[in-house]
Amino acid sequence: MKQNPMGDMWKQFSRIRKDMDRVQEELKDRYVEASVGGRVEVVFNGQQELVKLSIDPKAIEPDRDGKVDLEMLEDLVTAAVNQGIEKSKALQSEEMDKATGGLASGLPGLL
């Protein structure tokens, strides 16, 4: 009986693709958190979607002059969001590597 290497490879690719699709679906319900300065906390799912943003009320309290430091708050939110995205990407990469036996990280554009 002849072996068909291309057919075997296609079956393997198809299985990997199904595993990747399954993992992508599961990542909707996996979450990572990031917190910056104890004032801003974000929660992302494994698909880099922001699902929660919390700001400590102390971060928007006026100073002695009655002004809120919006620039600092903007910096905290930006840093927390960027940190959350990085954690979410790391989670996605880790889970895809598990599903593909490390193949996903070696091929650009799979994630």
N, C-alpha and C. Protein backbone atom coordinates (compact mmCIF):
# COMPACT_ATOMS: atom_id res chain seq x y z
N MET A 1 0.84 -1.18 0.00
CA MET A 1 0.00 0.00 0.00
C MET A 1 0.88 1.24 0.00
N LYS A 2 0.64 2.16 -0.91
CA LYS A 2 1.43 3.38 -1.03
C LYS A 2 0.99 4.41 0.00
N GLN A 3 1.98 5.09 0.54
CA GLN A 3 1.67 6.20 1.44
C GLN A 3 1.57 7.47 0.61
N ASN A 4 0.72 8.35 1.06
CA ASN A 4 0.54 9.62 0.38
C ASN A 4 1.00 10.73 1.33
N PRO A 5 2.29 11.13 1.22
CA PRO A 5 2.80 12.15 2.15
C PRO A 5 2.03 13.46 2.08
N MET A 6 1.61 13.85 0.89
CA MET A 6 0.85 15.11 0.77
C MET A 6 -0.50 14.98 1.46
N GLY A 7 -1.14 13.84 1.30
CA GLY A 7 -2.43 13.61 1.95
C GLY A 7 -2.29 13.60 3.46
N ASP A 8 -1.23 12.96 3.96
CA ASP A 8 -0.98 12.93 5.39
C ASP A 8 -0.70 14.33 5.93
N MET A 9 0.09 15.09 5.16
CA MET A 9 0.40 16.45 5.57
C MET A 9 -0.87 17.31 5.59
N TRP A 10 -1.73 17.13 4.61
CA TRP A 10 -2.97 17.90 4.54
C TRP A 10 -3.88 17.55 5.73
N LYS A 11 -3.93 16.27 6.11
CA LYS A 11 -4.73 15.85 7.26
C LYS A 11 -4.19 16.49 8.54
N GLN A 12 -2.86 16.51 8.64
CA GLN A 12 -2.24 17.12 9.82
C GLN A 12 -2.53 18.62 9.87
N PHE A 13 -2.41 19.28 8.74
CA PHE A 13 -2.70 20.72 8.68
C PHE A 13 -4.16 20.97 9.06
N SER A 14 -5.05 20.15 8.55
CA SER A 14 -6.48 20.29 8.85
C SER A 14 -6.74 20.12 10.35
N ARG A 15 -6.06 19.14 10.96
CA ARG A 15 -6.23 18.93 12.41
C ARG A 15 -5.70 20.14 13.19
N ILE A 16 -4.55 20.65 12.79
CA ILE A 16 -3.97 21.82 13.46
C ILE A 16 -4.90 23.02 13.32
N ARG A 17 -5.43 23.22 12.13
CA ARG A 17 -6.36 24.35 11.89
C ARG A 17 -7.58 24.23 12.80
N LYS A 18 -8.13 23.03 12.94
CA LYS A 18 -9.29 22.82 13.82
C LYS A 18 -8.92 23.11 15.28
N ASP A 19 -7.72 22.66 15.68
CA ASP A 19 -7.26 22.91 17.05
C ASP A 19 -7.10 24.41 17.29
N MET A 20 -6.56 25.11 16.31
CA MET A 20 -6.38 26.56 16.44
C MET A 20 -7.73 27.27 16.53
N ASP A 21 -8.69 26.85 15.73
CA ASP A 21 -10.03 27.45 15.78
C ASP A 21 -10.67 27.21 17.14
N ARG A 22 -10.48 26.00 17.68
CA ARG A 22 -11.03 25.67 19.00
C ARG A 22 -10.40 26.55 20.07
N VAL A 23 -9.08 26.71 20.01
CA VAL A 23 -8.38 27.53 20.99
C VAL A 23 -8.83 28.98 20.90
N GLN A 24 -8.96 29.50 19.68
CA GLN A 24 -9.43 30.88 19.50
C GLN A 24 -10.78 31.08 20.18
N GLU A 25 -11.67 30.12 20.01
CA GLU A 25 -13.00 30.20 20.62
C GLU A 25 -12.89 30.17 22.15
N GLU A 26 -12.04 29.29 22.66
CA GLU A 26 -11.86 29.17 24.11
C GLU A 26 -11.23 30.43 24.71
N LEU A 27 -10.40 31.12 23.94
CA LEU A 27 -9.72 32.32 24.44
C LEU A 27 -10.70 33.46 24.72
N LYS A 28 -11.89 33.39 24.16
CA LYS A 28 -12.91 34.41 24.47
C LYS A 28 -13.24 34.41 25.96
N ASP A 29 -13.09 33.23 26.59
CA ASP A 29 -13.47 33.07 27.99
C ASP A 29 -12.28 32.94 28.92
N ARG A 30 -11.10 33.30 28.45
CA ARG A 30 -9.89 33.33 29.28
C ARG A 30 -9.51 34.78 29.48
N TYR A 31 -9.11 35.13 30.70
CA TYR A 31 -8.88 36.53 31.02
C TYR A 31 -7.52 36.76 31.66
N VAL A 32 -6.98 37.95 31.40
CA VAL A 32 -5.76 38.41 32.05
C VAL A 32 -6.04 39.80 32.62
N GLU A 33 -5.34 40.11 33.70
CA GLU A 33 -5.51 41.41 34.34
C GLU A 33 -4.19 42.17 34.33
N ALA A 34 -4.31 43.49 34.30
CA ALA A 34 -3.14 44.34 34.43
C ALA A 34 -3.54 45.53 35.30
N SER A 35 -2.63 45.94 36.16
CA SER A 35 -2.89 47.06 37.05
C SER A 35 -1.67 47.97 37.05
N VAL A 36 -1.93 49.27 37.03
CA VAL A 36 -0.84 50.24 37.02
C VAL A 36 -1.06 51.26 38.13
N GLY A 37 -0.06 51.43 38.95
CA GLY A 37 -0.10 52.45 39.99
C GLY A 37 -1.18 52.23 41.03
N GLY A 38 -1.77 51.06 41.05
CA GLY A 38 -2.84 50.81 42.01
C GLY A 38 -4.08 51.66 41.76
N ARG A 39 -4.10 52.34 40.64
CA ARG A 39 -5.21 53.26 40.34
C ARG A 39 -6.05 52.81 39.15
N VAL A 40 -5.42 52.10 38.22
CA VAL A 40 -6.13 51.68 37.01
C VAL A 40 -5.94 50.18 36.82
N GLU A 41 -7.04 49.49 36.62
CA GLU A 41 -6.98 48.05 36.37
C GLU A 41 -7.78 47.73 35.11
N VAL A 42 -7.23 46.86 34.30
CA VAL A 42 -7.92 46.43 33.09
C VAL A 42 -7.99 44.91 33.06
N VAL A 43 -9.00 44.40 32.36
CA VAL A 43 -9.14 42.98 32.14
C VAL A 43 -9.35 42.78 30.64
N PHE A 44 -8.53 41.91 30.06
CA PHE A 44 -8.64 41.57 28.64
C PHE A 44 -8.96 40.09 28.53
N ASN A 45 -9.64 39.71 27.46
CA ASN A 45 -9.78 38.28 27.20
C ASN A 45 -8.61 37.85 26.32
N GLY A 46 -8.55 36.58 26.00
CA GLY A 46 -7.45 36.04 25.22
C GLY A 46 -7.46 36.42 23.76
N GLN A 47 -8.43 37.24 23.36
CA GLN A 47 -8.49 37.72 21.98
C GLN A 47 -8.20 39.22 21.91
N GLN A 48 -7.50 39.72 22.90
CA GLN A 48 -7.10 41.11 23.00
C GLN A 48 -8.28 42.08 23.02
N GLU A 49 -9.38 41.65 23.59
CA GLU A 49 -10.55 42.52 23.75
C GLU A 49 -10.60 43.02 25.19
N LEU A 50 -10.70 44.33 25.35
CA LEU A 50 -10.84 44.92 26.68
C LEU A 50 -12.24 44.60 27.18
N VAL A 51 -12.33 43.92 28.32
CA VAL A 51 -13.64 43.55 28.85
C VAL A 51 -14.00 44.33 30.11
N LYS A 52 -12.99 44.94 30.75
CA LYS A 52 -13.27 45.73 31.95
C LYS A 52 -12.17 46.75 32.17
N LEU A 53 -12.58 47.93 32.57
CA LEU A 53 -11.65 49.01 32.93
C LEU A 53 -12.13 49.58 34.25
N SER A 54 -11.26 49.58 35.26
CA SER A 54 -11.61 50.13 36.57
C SER A 54 -10.63 51.24 36.91
N ILE A 55 -11.18 52.34 37.38
CA ILE A 55 -10.36 53.47 37.81
C ILE A 55 -10.69 53.76 39.27
N ASP A 56 -9.68 53.76 40.10
CA ASP A 56 -9.85 54.06 41.52
C ASP A 56 -10.33 55.52 41.63
N PRO A 57 -11.38 55.77 42.40
CA PRO A 57 -11.89 57.15 42.54
C PRO A 57 -10.83 58.13 43.02
N LYS A 58 -9.82 57.65 43.74
CA LYS A 58 -8.75 58.54 44.20
C LYS A 58 -7.96 59.11 43.03
N ALA A 59 -7.98 58.41 41.90
CA ALA A 59 -7.24 58.87 40.72
C ALA A 59 -7.88 60.11 40.10
N ILE A 60 -9.13 60.37 40.45
CA ILE A 60 -9.81 61.54 39.86
C ILE A 60 -10.18 62.58 40.91
N GLU A 61 -9.59 62.44 42.10
CA GLU A 61 -9.82 63.44 43.14
C GLU A 61 -9.03 64.70 42.79
N PRO A 62 -9.66 65.84 42.98
CA PRO A 62 -8.95 67.10 42.69
C PRO A 62 -7.81 67.32 43.69
N ASP A 63 -6.77 68.01 43.23
CA ASP A 63 -5.68 68.35 44.12
C ASP A 63 -6.05 69.60 44.93
N ARG A 64 -5.09 70.21 45.60
CA ARG A 64 -5.35 71.39 46.44
C ARG A 64 -5.91 72.56 45.64
N ASP A 65 -5.54 72.61 44.36
CA ASP A 65 -6.01 73.70 43.51
C ASP A 65 -7.35 73.38 42.86
N GLY A 66 -7.91 72.21 43.20
CA GLY A 66 -9.19 71.82 42.64
C GLY A 66 -9.09 71.23 41.23
N LYS A 67 -7.87 70.85 40.83
CA LYS A 67 -7.67 70.29 39.49
C LYS A 67 -7.40 68.79 39.57
N VAL A 68 -7.90 68.10 38.56
CA VAL A 68 -7.65 66.68 38.43
C VAL A 68 -6.48 66.52 37.46
N ASP A 69 -5.54 65.66 37.81
CA ASP A 69 -4.38 65.44 36.95
C ASP A 69 -4.76 64.46 35.83
N LEU A 70 -5.40 65.00 34.80
CA LEU A 70 -5.86 64.17 33.68
C LEU A 70 -4.71 63.53 32.93
N GLU A 71 -3.62 64.24 32.80
CA GLU A 71 -2.47 63.69 32.07
C GLU A 71 -1.95 62.43 32.75
N MET A 72 -1.86 62.46 34.08
CA MET A 72 -1.41 61.28 34.81
C MET A 72 -2.41 60.13 34.63
N LEU A 73 -3.69 60.44 34.72
CA LEU A 73 -4.71 59.41 34.55
C LEU A 73 -4.65 58.80 33.15
N GLU A 74 -4.48 59.64 32.14
CA GLU A 74 -4.35 59.15 30.77
C GLU A 74 -3.14 58.23 30.63
N ASP A 75 -2.03 58.62 31.26
CA ASP A 75 -0.82 57.78 31.22
C ASP A 75 -1.04 56.44 31.90
N LEU A 76 -1.74 56.46 33.03
CA LEU A 76 -2.03 55.21 33.74
C LEU A 76 -2.92 54.29 32.91
N VAL A 77 -3.95 54.86 32.29
CA VAL A 77 -4.85 54.06 31.45
C VAL A 77 -4.10 53.48 30.26
N THR A 78 -3.29 54.30 29.61
CA THR A 78 -2.52 53.84 28.46
C THR A 78 -1.58 52.70 28.86
N ALA A 79 -0.88 52.88 29.97
CA ALA A 79 0.06 51.84 30.42
C ALA A 79 -0.68 50.55 30.78
N ALA A 80 -1.81 50.66 31.45
CA ALA A 80 -2.57 49.47 31.83
C ALA A 80 -3.10 48.74 30.59
N VAL A 81 -3.61 49.49 29.63
CA VAL A 81 -4.13 48.87 28.41
C VAL A 81 -3.00 48.17 27.66
N ASN A 82 -1.87 48.83 27.50
CA ASN A 82 -0.75 48.21 26.79
C ASN A 82 -0.26 46.95 27.50
N GLN A 83 -0.21 47.01 28.83
CA GLN A 83 0.21 45.85 29.61
C GLN A 83 -0.80 44.71 29.46
N GLY A 84 -2.08 45.04 29.46
CA GLY A 84 -3.12 44.03 29.29
C GLY A 84 -3.07 43.37 27.92
N ILE A 85 -2.83 44.16 26.89
CA ILE A 85 -2.72 43.61 25.54
C ILE A 85 -1.54 42.64 25.46
N GLU A 86 -0.41 43.03 26.04
CA GLU A 86 0.78 42.16 26.01
C GLU A 86 0.51 40.84 26.73
N LYS A 87 -0.16 40.92 27.88
CA LYS A 87 -0.48 39.69 28.61
C LYS A 87 -1.45 38.82 27.82
N SER A 88 -2.41 39.45 27.17
CA SER A 88 -3.38 38.71 26.36
C SER A 88 -2.70 38.04 25.17
N LYS A 89 -1.79 38.74 24.53
CA LYS A 89 -1.04 38.15 23.41
C LYS A 89 -0.19 36.98 23.89
N ALA A 90 0.42 37.12 25.06
CA ALA A 90 1.25 36.03 25.61
C ALA A 90 0.38 34.81 25.90
N LEU A 91 -0.81 35.03 26.46
CA LEU A 91 -1.73 33.93 26.72
C LEU A 91 -2.13 33.24 25.42
N GLN A 92 -2.46 34.05 24.42
CA GLN A 92 -2.86 33.49 23.12
C GLN A 92 -1.72 32.67 22.51
N SER A 93 -0.53 33.21 22.54
CA SER A 93 0.63 32.53 21.96
C SER A 93 0.89 31.21 22.69
N GLU A 94 0.83 31.25 24.01
CA GLU A 94 1.07 30.05 24.81
C GLU A 94 0.04 28.96 24.48
N GLU A 95 -1.22 29.34 24.40
CA GLU A 95 -2.28 28.36 24.13
C GLU A 95 -2.19 27.82 22.69
N MET A 96 -1.84 28.68 21.76
CA MET A 96 -1.70 28.23 20.37
C MET A 96 -0.50 27.29 20.23
N ASP A 97 0.58 27.60 20.94
CA ASP A 97 1.75 26.71 20.91
C ASP A 97 1.40 25.34 21.46
N LYS A 98 0.58 25.30 22.52
CA LYS A 98 0.15 24.02 23.07
C LYS A 98 -0.66 23.25 22.03
N ALA A 99 -1.56 23.95 21.36
CA ALA A 99 -2.46 23.29 20.40
C ALA A 99 -1.73 22.83 19.14
N THR A 100 -0.65 23.51 18.78
CA THR A 100 0.03 23.20 17.51
C THR A 100 1.40 22.57 17.72
N GLY A 101 1.73 22.26 18.94
CA GLY A 101 3.04 21.69 19.21
C GLY A 101 4.17 22.65 18.91
N GLY A 102 3.93 23.94 19.10
CA GLY A 102 4.94 24.97 18.87
C GLY A 102 4.97 25.50 17.45
N LEU A 103 4.17 24.96 16.58
CA LEU A 103 4.16 25.37 15.18
C LEU A 103 3.66 26.80 15.00
N ALA A 104 2.69 27.22 15.80
CA ALA A 104 2.08 28.55 15.65
C ALA A 104 3.09 29.68 15.82
N SER A 105 4.00 29.53 16.79
CA SER A 105 4.97 30.60 17.01
C SER A 105 6.03 30.66 15.93
N GLY A 106 6.19 29.57 15.19
CA GLY A 106 7.21 29.55 14.15
C GLY A 106 6.75 30.04 12.79
N LEU A 107 5.45 30.21 12.64
CA LEU A 107 4.92 30.66 11.35
C LEU A 107 4.20 31.98 11.51
N PRO A 108 4.76 33.06 10.99
CA PRO A 108 4.12 34.37 11.11
C PRO A 108 2.73 34.36 10.47
N GLY A 109 1.83 35.08 11.12
CA GLY A 109 0.49 35.22 10.56
C GLY A 109 -0.50 34.16 10.99
N LEU A 110 -0.05 33.16 11.76
CA LEU A 110 -0.99 32.14 12.21
C LEU A 110 -1.85 32.64 13.35
N LEU A 111 -1.33 33.58 14.14
CA LEU A 111 -2.10 34.08 15.28
C LEU A 111 -2.87 35.30 14.91
